[in-house]
Protein backbone atom coordinates (compact mmCIF):
# COMPACT_ATOMS: atom_id res chain seq x y z
CA MET A 1 0.00 0.00 0.00
CA SER A 2 1.33 3.29 -0.86
CA GLY A 3 -0.65 4.93 1.90
CA HIS A 4 1.49 5.77 4.80
CA GLU A 5 -0.04 5.07 8.27
CA PRO A 6 0.62 7.59 10.94
CA SER A 7 3.08 6.44 13.49
CA ARG A 8 1.71 5.41 17.01
CA PRO A 9 3.77 5.92 20.07
CA ASP A 10 2.51 2.69 21.71
CA LYS A 11 3.27 0.57 18.74
CA GLY A 12 4.79 -2.67 19.75
CA LYS A 13 3.35 -2.49 23.31
CA THR A 14 0.44 -4.46 24.74
CA VAL A 15 -2.52 -2.26 24.97
CA LYS A 16 -4.88 -2.99 27.86
CA LYS A 17 -8.43 -2.54 27.07
CA ALA A 18 -10.54 -0.82 29.63
CA ARG A 19 -12.75 -3.24 31.53
CA LYS A 20 -16.23 -2.56 32.48
CA ALA A 21 -16.61 -2.18 36.17
CA ASN A 22 -18.63 -4.87 37.95
CA TYR A 23 -20.84 -3.53 40.63
CA VAL A 24 -21.55 -5.70 43.69
CA ILE A 25 -24.29 -4.43 45.87
CA ARG A 26 -24.24 -5.92 49.30
CA VAL A 27 -27.41 -5.70 51.26
CA PRO A 28 -26.78 -6.01 54.96
CA ARG A 29 -28.96 -8.52 56.67
CA PRO A 30 -31.45 -6.99 58.97
CA HIS A 31 -30.88 -7.54 62.62
CA VAL A 32 -33.51 -9.90 63.99
CA GLY A 33 -35.43 -8.30 66.77
CA SER A 34 -34.60 -4.75 65.74
CA SER A 35 -37.32 -2.48 64.49
CA ARG A 36 -34.77 -0.03 63.16
CA PRO A 37 -33.86 -0.52 59.43
CA PRO A 38 -30.16 -0.54 58.48
CA PRO A 39 -28.72 2.47 56.65
CA PRO A 40 -28.98 2.32 52.87
CA SER A 41 -25.96 1.09 51.00
CA THR A 42 -24.49 3.36 48.29
CA VAL A 43 -21.68 2.63 45.79
CA SER A 44 -19.93 5.37 43.91
CA THR A 45 -19.30 4.81 40.20
CA PRO A 46 -16.04 5.91 38.67
CA PHE A 47 -17.37 6.18 35.17
CA ASP A 48 -19.59 8.61 33.49
CA GLY A 49 -22.37 6.17 32.62
CA PRO A 50 -25.86 6.26 34.03
CA THR A 51 -26.01 6.04 37.80
CA PRO A 52 -27.48 2.69 38.84
CA PRO A 53 -30.52 2.96 40.90
CA THR A 54 -30.03 2.83 44.63
CA ILE A 55 -31.53 -0.30 46.04
CA ARG A 56 -32.93 0.17 49.46
CA PRO A 57 -33.84 -2.96 51.33
CA THR A 58 -37.35 -3.21 52.55
CA PRO A 59 -37.38 -2.25 56.20
CA SER A 60 -37.62 -5.31 58.35
CA THR A 61 -40.92 -5.85 60.11
CA ILE A 62 -39.78 -9.03 61.80
CA GLY A 63 -40.46 -8.78 65.51
CA PRO A 64 -39.03 -10.88 68.33
CA THR A 65 -38.61 -14.51 67.52
CA PRO A 66 -41.88 -16.10 68.57
CA SER A 67 -41.88 -19.11 70.80
CA VAL A 68 -42.22 -22.36 69.01
CA VAL A 69 -45.78 -23.45 69.54
CA GLY A 70 -46.90 -26.84 68.40
CA PRO A 71 -50.12 -27.48 66.64
CA THR A 72 -53.15 -26.56 68.70
CA PRO A 73 -54.86 -29.74 69.84
CA PRO A 74 -58.43 -30.03 68.79
CA THR A 75 -60.91 -28.81 71.35
CA ALA A 76 -62.59 -31.71 73.00
CA VAL A 77 -66.32 -31.36 72.85
CA PRO A 78 -67.85 -32.88 75.99
CA THR A 79 -70.16 -35.73 75.29
CA PRO A 80 -73.61 -34.89 76.59
CA SER A 81 -74.74 -37.05 79.49
CA ILE A 82 -77.37 -39.52 78.64
CA VAL A 83 -80.25 -38.74 80.94
CA GLY A 84 -82.65 -41.57 81.37
CA PRO A 85 -86.16 -41.36 82.64
CA THR A 86 -86.58 -40.02 86.20
CA PRO A 87 -87.13 -42.93 88.58
CA TYR A 88 -90.51 -43.03 90.24
CA ILE A 89 -90.42 -42.41 93.97
CA HIS A 90 -93.42 -43.71 95.81
CA PRO A 91 -94.74 -40.99 98.10
CA SER A 92 -95.15 -41.69 101.78
CA PRO A 93 -98.71 -42.40 102.81
CA ILE A 94 -100.54 -39.37 104.09
CA SER A 95 -101.77 -41.26 107.11
CA THR A 96 -98.22 -41.63 108.44
CA PRO A 97 -97.68 -38.85 111.01
CA SER A 98 -94.00 -38.45 110.11
CA SER A 99 -94.86 -37.74 106.46
CA ILE A 100 -96.39 -34.39 107.41
CA PRO A 101 -93.78 -32.62 109.52
CA SER A 102 -94.88 -29.89 111.85
CA PRO A 103 -93.64 -26.37 111.09
CA ASP A 104 -91.40 -26.45 114.15
CA VAL A 105 -90.05 -29.99 113.94
CA HIS A 106 -86.77 -29.87 115.80
CA GLU A 107 -84.51 -31.81 118.06
CA PRO A 108 -85.98 -31.19 121.51
CA SER A 109 -83.81 -29.19 123.82
CA VAL A 110 -82.04 -30.82 126.71
CA ASP A 111 -83.35 -30.33 130.21
CA PRO A 112 -80.49 -28.65 132.11
CA ALA A 113 -82.06 -29.71 135.43
CA ASP A 114 -81.85 -33.41 134.57
CA PRO A 115 -78.27 -34.76 134.70
CA ASN A 116 -79.44 -37.96 132.99
CA ASP A 117 -80.75 -36.00 130.01
CA LEU A 118 -77.40 -34.62 128.85
CA GLY A 119 -76.75 -37.35 126.31
CA ASP A 120 -76.56 -41.07 125.68
CA PRO A 121 -73.82 -43.16 127.28
CA ALA A 122 -71.06 -44.78 125.28
CA PRO A 123 -71.83 -48.33 124.08
CA HIS A 124 -69.59 -49.91 126.71
CA ASP A 125 -71.16 -47.76 129.45
CA ARG A 126 -74.81 -48.62 128.76
CA PRO A 127 -76.40 -50.34 131.76
CA PHE A 128 -77.78 -53.85 131.38
CA ILE A 129 -81.48 -54.59 131.84
CA GLU A 130 -83.52 -57.78 131.61
CA PRO A 131 -87.23 -58.47 131.22
CA CYS A 132 -89.30 -59.28 134.28
CA GLY A 133 -92.90 -60.14 133.53
CA LYS A 134 -94.31 -57.05 131.84
CA GLY A 135 -91.51 -54.83 133.11
CA PHE A 136 -87.74 -54.64 133.51
CA LEU A 137 -85.00 -55.13 136.03
CA PRO A 138 -83.66 -52.79 137.23
CA SER A 139 -86.93 -50.97 136.70
CA ARG A 140 -85.70 -47.47 137.47
CA VAL A 141 -82.93 -47.64 134.86
CA ALA A 142 -85.37 -48.83 132.19
CA SER A 143 -88.01 -46.28 133.22
CA GLN A 144 -85.57 -43.39 132.93
CA ALA A 145 -84.37 -44.65 129.55
CA ILE A 146 -87.96 -44.81 128.26
CA THR A 147 -88.71 -41.30 129.52
CA ARG A 148 -85.63 -39.82 127.85
CA THR A 149 -86.46 -41.70 124.64
CA ILE A 150 -89.93 -40.17 124.49
CA LYS A 151 -88.59 -36.68 125.16
CA GLN A 152 -85.95 -36.93 122.44
CA GLN A 153 -88.11 -38.51 119.75
CA PHE A 154 -91.49 -36.81 120.28
CA LEU A 155 -91.50 -34.76 117.08
CA GLN A 156 -95.16 -34.95 116.03
CA PRO A 157 -98.52 -34.20 117.70
CA TRP A 158 -99.21 -37.81 118.61
CA ALA A 159 -102.14 -37.87 121.06
CA SER A 160 -101.25 -41.35 122.35
CA TRP A 161 -98.81 -44.18 121.80
CA GLY A 162 -101.41 -46.11 119.83
CA VAL A 163 -101.63 -43.56 116.99
CA ILE A 164 -97.88 -43.63 116.33
CA SER A 165 -97.08 -45.56 113.16
CA ASP A 166 -94.92 -48.68 113.27
CA ASP A 167 -92.16 -46.90 111.34
CA ASP A 168 -92.03 -44.09 113.90
CA LYS A 169 -92.13 -46.56 116.78
CA LYS A 170 -89.01 -48.12 115.30
CA LEU A 171 -87.25 -44.77 115.73
CA PHE A 172 -88.26 -44.70 119.41
CA TRP A 173 -86.98 -48.26 119.76
CA GLU A 174 -83.63 -47.37 118.19
CA ARG A 175 -83.21 -44.46 120.60
CA PHE A 176 -84.02 -46.73 123.53
CA LYS A 177 -81.29 -49.13 122.38
CA GLN A 178 -78.75 -46.27 122.60
CA LYS A 179 -79.38 -45.94 126.35
CA VAL A 180 -79.44 -49.50 127.68
CA GLN A 181 -78.37 -52.97 126.60
CA TRP A 182 -79.47 -56.57 127.18
CA ALA A 183 -78.74 -60.16 126.30
CA ALA A 184 -79.60 -61.22 122.77
CA GLU A 185 -82.07 -63.87 123.94
CA HIS A 186 -84.16 -61.19 125.68
CA GLU A 187 -84.59 -59.01 122.57
CA ALA A 188 -88.19 -60.01 121.73
CA GLN A 189 -89.53 -59.76 125.29
CA ILE A 190 -87.80 -56.45 125.95
CA HIS A 191 -89.22 -55.04 122.72
CA LYS A 192 -92.71 -56.09 123.76
CA ASN A 193 -92.33 -54.67 127.26
CA PHE A 194 -90.89 -51.46 125.86
CA ASN A 195 -94.05 -50.74 123.85
CA MET A 196 -96.29 -51.38 126.86
CA LYS A 197 -94.22 -49.23 129.20
CA ALA A 198 -93.78 -46.43 126.66
CA SER A 199 -97.54 -46.27 126.11
CA HIS A 200 -98.17 -45.98 129.84
CA ARG A 201 -95.34 -43.50 130.37
CA LEU A 202 -96.48 -41.19 127.56
CA SER A 203 -99.99 -41.06 129.07
CA GLU A 204 -98.49 -40.11 132.44
CA MET A 205 -96.36 -37.38 130.88
CA PHE A 206 -99.40 -35.95 129.09
CA ARG A 207 -101.45 -36.03 132.30
CA ASN A 208 -98.72 -34.20 134.23
CA ALA A 209 -98.52 -31.56 131.49
CA ARG A 210 -102.30 -31.00 131.54
CA ILE A 211 -102.31 -30.70 135.32
CA ALA A 212 -99.44 -28.21 135.24
CA GLY A 213 -101.11 -26.29 132.40
CA GLN A 214 -97.73 -25.55 130.88
CA ARG A 215 -95.97 -26.76 127.74
CA PRO A 216 -93.09 -29.12 128.57
CA TYR A 217 -89.69 -28.19 127.22
CA TRP A 218 -89.57 -31.35 125.05
CA VAL A 219 -92.78 -30.49 123.16
CA GLY A 220 -92.64 -27.94 120.33
CA GLU A 221 -95.04 -25.03 120.44
CA HIS A 222 -96.97 -26.06 117.34
CA ILE A 223 -97.18 -29.66 118.61
CA TRP A 224 -98.43 -28.42 121.97
CA ASN A 225 -101.18 -26.35 120.35
CA SER A 226 -102.28 -29.37 118.33
CA LEU A 227 -102.46 -31.49 121.45
CA LEU A 228 -104.47 -28.84 123.25
CA GLY A 229 -106.91 -28.81 120.36
CA HIS A 230 -107.31 -32.59 120.66
CA TRP A 231 -107.72 -32.54 124.43
CA ASN A 232 -110.41 -29.86 124.18
CA THR A 233 -112.63 -31.82 121.80
CA PRO A 234 -115.99 -32.97 123.28
CA GLN A 235 -115.20 -36.64 122.63
CA TYR A 236 -111.95 -36.50 124.57
CA ARG A 237 -113.44 -34.54 127.47
CA ILE A 238 -116.23 -37.10 127.84
CA LYS A 239 -113.67 -39.91 127.85
CA CYS A 240 -111.63 -38.17 130.56
CA ALA A 241 -114.71 -37.53 132.70
CA THR A 242 -115.66 -41.21 132.50
CA ALA A 243 -112.18 -42.33 133.54
CA GLN A 244 -112.12 -39.86 136.41
CA LYS A 245 -115.47 -41.14 137.64
CA ASN A 246 -114.21 -44.72 137.59
CA ARG A 247 -111.12 -43.79 139.57
CA ALA A 248 -113.23 -42.04 142.19
CA SER A 249 -115.67 -44.95 142.54
CA GLU A 250 -115.77 -47.37 145.42
CA LYS A 251 -113.49 -49.77 143.54
CA GLY A 252 -110.75 -47.22 143.69
CA GLY A 253 -107.84 -47.00 141.31
CA VAL A 254 -104.38 -48.46 141.06
CA LEU A 255 -102.66 -46.23 143.59
CA HIS A 256 -99.54 -47.49 145.33
CA THR A 257 -96.48 -46.16 147.11
CA GLY A 258 -93.94 -48.05 145.07
CA GLY A 259 -93.07 -45.19 142.77
CA SER A 260 -91.45 -46.18 139.49
CA ILE A 261 -90.05 -49.41 140.96
CA THR A 262 -91.86 -52.56 139.89
CA THR A 263 -93.52 -54.92 142.33
CA HIS A 264 -91.02 -57.61 141.46
CA GLU A 265 -88.10 -55.37 142.36
CA HIS A 266 -89.81 -54.47 145.63
CA ALA A 267 -90.02 -58.19 146.39
CA ILE A 268 -86.30 -58.60 145.67
CA ARG A 269 -85.43 -55.73 148.01
CA MET A 270 -87.70 -57.01 150.76
CA ALA A 271 -86.21 -60.50 150.48
CA ALA A 272 -82.72 -59.04 150.79
CA GLU A 273 -83.72 -57.06 153.90
CA LEU A 274 -85.59 -59.94 155.58
CA GLY A 275 -83.17 -62.64 154.53
CA ARG A 276 -85.96 -64.88 153.24
CA ALA A 277 -88.45 -65.23 150.45
CA VAL A 278 -91.42 -62.88 150.71
CA HIS A 279 -95.03 -63.59 149.85
CA VAL A 280 -97.22 -61.70 147.45
CA ASP A 281 -99.54 -60.35 150.16
CA GLU A 282 -96.54 -58.98 152.07
CA VAL A 283 -95.35 -57.10 149.00
CA PHE A 284 -98.88 -55.81 148.36
CA THR A 285 -99.20 -54.53 151.90
CA GLN A 286 -95.77 -52.90 151.72
CA THR A 287 -96.61 -51.00 148.55
CA HIS A 288 -100.19 -49.98 149.43
CA ILE A 289 -99.83 -48.55 152.93
CA ARG A 290 -98.71 -45.00 153.50
CA LYS A 291 -95.59 -44.91 155.61
CA GLY A 292 -96.51 -41.77 157.55
CA THR A 293 -100.01 -42.78 158.66
CA GLY A 294 -100.09 -46.55 158.16
CA GLU A 295 -103.34 -46.24 156.21
CA TYR A 296 -104.10 -47.85 152.88
CA VAL A 297 -103.75 -45.62 149.87
CA ASP A 298 -107.41 -46.17 148.91
CA GLU A 299 -110.47 -48.17 149.76
CA ARG A 300 -109.85 -50.72 147.08
CA SER A 301 -106.48 -51.63 148.53
CA ARG A 302 -107.93 -52.12 152.02
CA LYS A 303 -110.68 -54.40 150.75
CA THR A 304 -108.22 -56.36 148.60
CA ILE A 305 -105.97 -57.25 151.54
CA GLU A 306 -108.95 -58.07 153.79
CA TYR A 307 -110.39 -60.39 151.15
CA PHE A 308 -107.03 -62.05 150.68
CA SER A 309 -106.60 -62.60 154.42
CA ALA A 310 -110.02 -64.23 154.66
CA ARG A 311 -109.28 -66.59 151.80
CA LEU A 312 -105.90 -67.46 153.30
CA THR A 313 -107.48 -68.33 156.66
CA GLN A 314 -109.98 -70.62 154.98
CA ALA A 315 -107.28 -72.36 152.93
CA ARG A 316 -105.03 -73.12 155.85
CA PRO A 317 -105.53 -76.33 157.81
CA ASN A 318 -107.08 -75.96 161.24
CA GLU A 319 -104.25 -77.69 163.04
CA GLY A 320 -100.54 -77.93 162.64
CA SER A 321 -98.04 -75.80 160.88
CA VAL A 322 -97.85 -75.48 157.12
CA PRO A 323 -94.56 -76.08 155.27
CA ASP A 324 -93.16 -73.09 153.44
CA ALA A 325 -93.78 -74.69 150.03
CA ASP A 326 -97.42 -75.34 150.84
CA GLU A 327 -97.78 -71.89 152.37
CA GLU A 328 -96.51 -70.30 149.16
CA MET A 329 -98.86 -72.41 147.05
CA ILE A 330 -101.82 -71.46 149.26
CA ARG A 331 -100.96 -67.78 149.08
CA THR A 332 -100.53 -67.94 145.29
CA GLN A 333 -103.93 -69.60 144.84
CA CYS A 334 -105.58 -67.02 147.04
């Protein structure tokens, strides 16, 4: 070529071509738990090209690391109870006194004047009793136990022992068993005697209350008013007048000076004092003559002992002594 190239000063030297700058943008990781975003990162460019856009990281909204919570267990729905039909409860008969409680049914208060009424003895401290005919031995212990039983269990306006239902009488019986004890073979006879004695004792307690004209502490006010209403009925007043007339008649009543002690126990005490067996007429005389005056308690008692003496005289042989066995047989037959 005839053209002549201009001379270059770097001819024969390696010419380095300019490299394009590589830009590395480092985004700092946000600090976990910090609500403050990191400062934006900027990189200066040494060339005259377009300025790359500044990349700002999205501010972190990550709060404190939450506790690891497992899957929520399913809520247990309670199984509804299977309700069957309501069982039928047979109502108590209306005729039963305990089925209609009085408005003031309560546990009767304790008589502070009676040291024996402060409570029941412990099982091992309960006194022993035994049946004796239609009563008990010792009679006073049994009599006091029956009286306390009536006072503690009289919770309805029963006008007499006979109108008390069998179920309620069982409650009286159970209370009586908490005060005394006996041999197992005497259970039936003691139960029978208890009902007879309780009937008689309740009548006496009612009579004493009517004579005093005052409500006893062991009778509730409502019960007392009901009893007064019964005692004031014409039928009851006629019955009382008839009984009073019979007691005042020539036959007399059943008065005696033995108190609450039975005739049998009187005989035991007399035999212990005399040192021998006693006869029925001796016990009768002892319990039907007033100690202060020596007179019989009533006309009936005087005639009874006179009649007995006449029969005894006729039964005895005219001559000779009578053996004790025959004498007892004669006296028993008279």
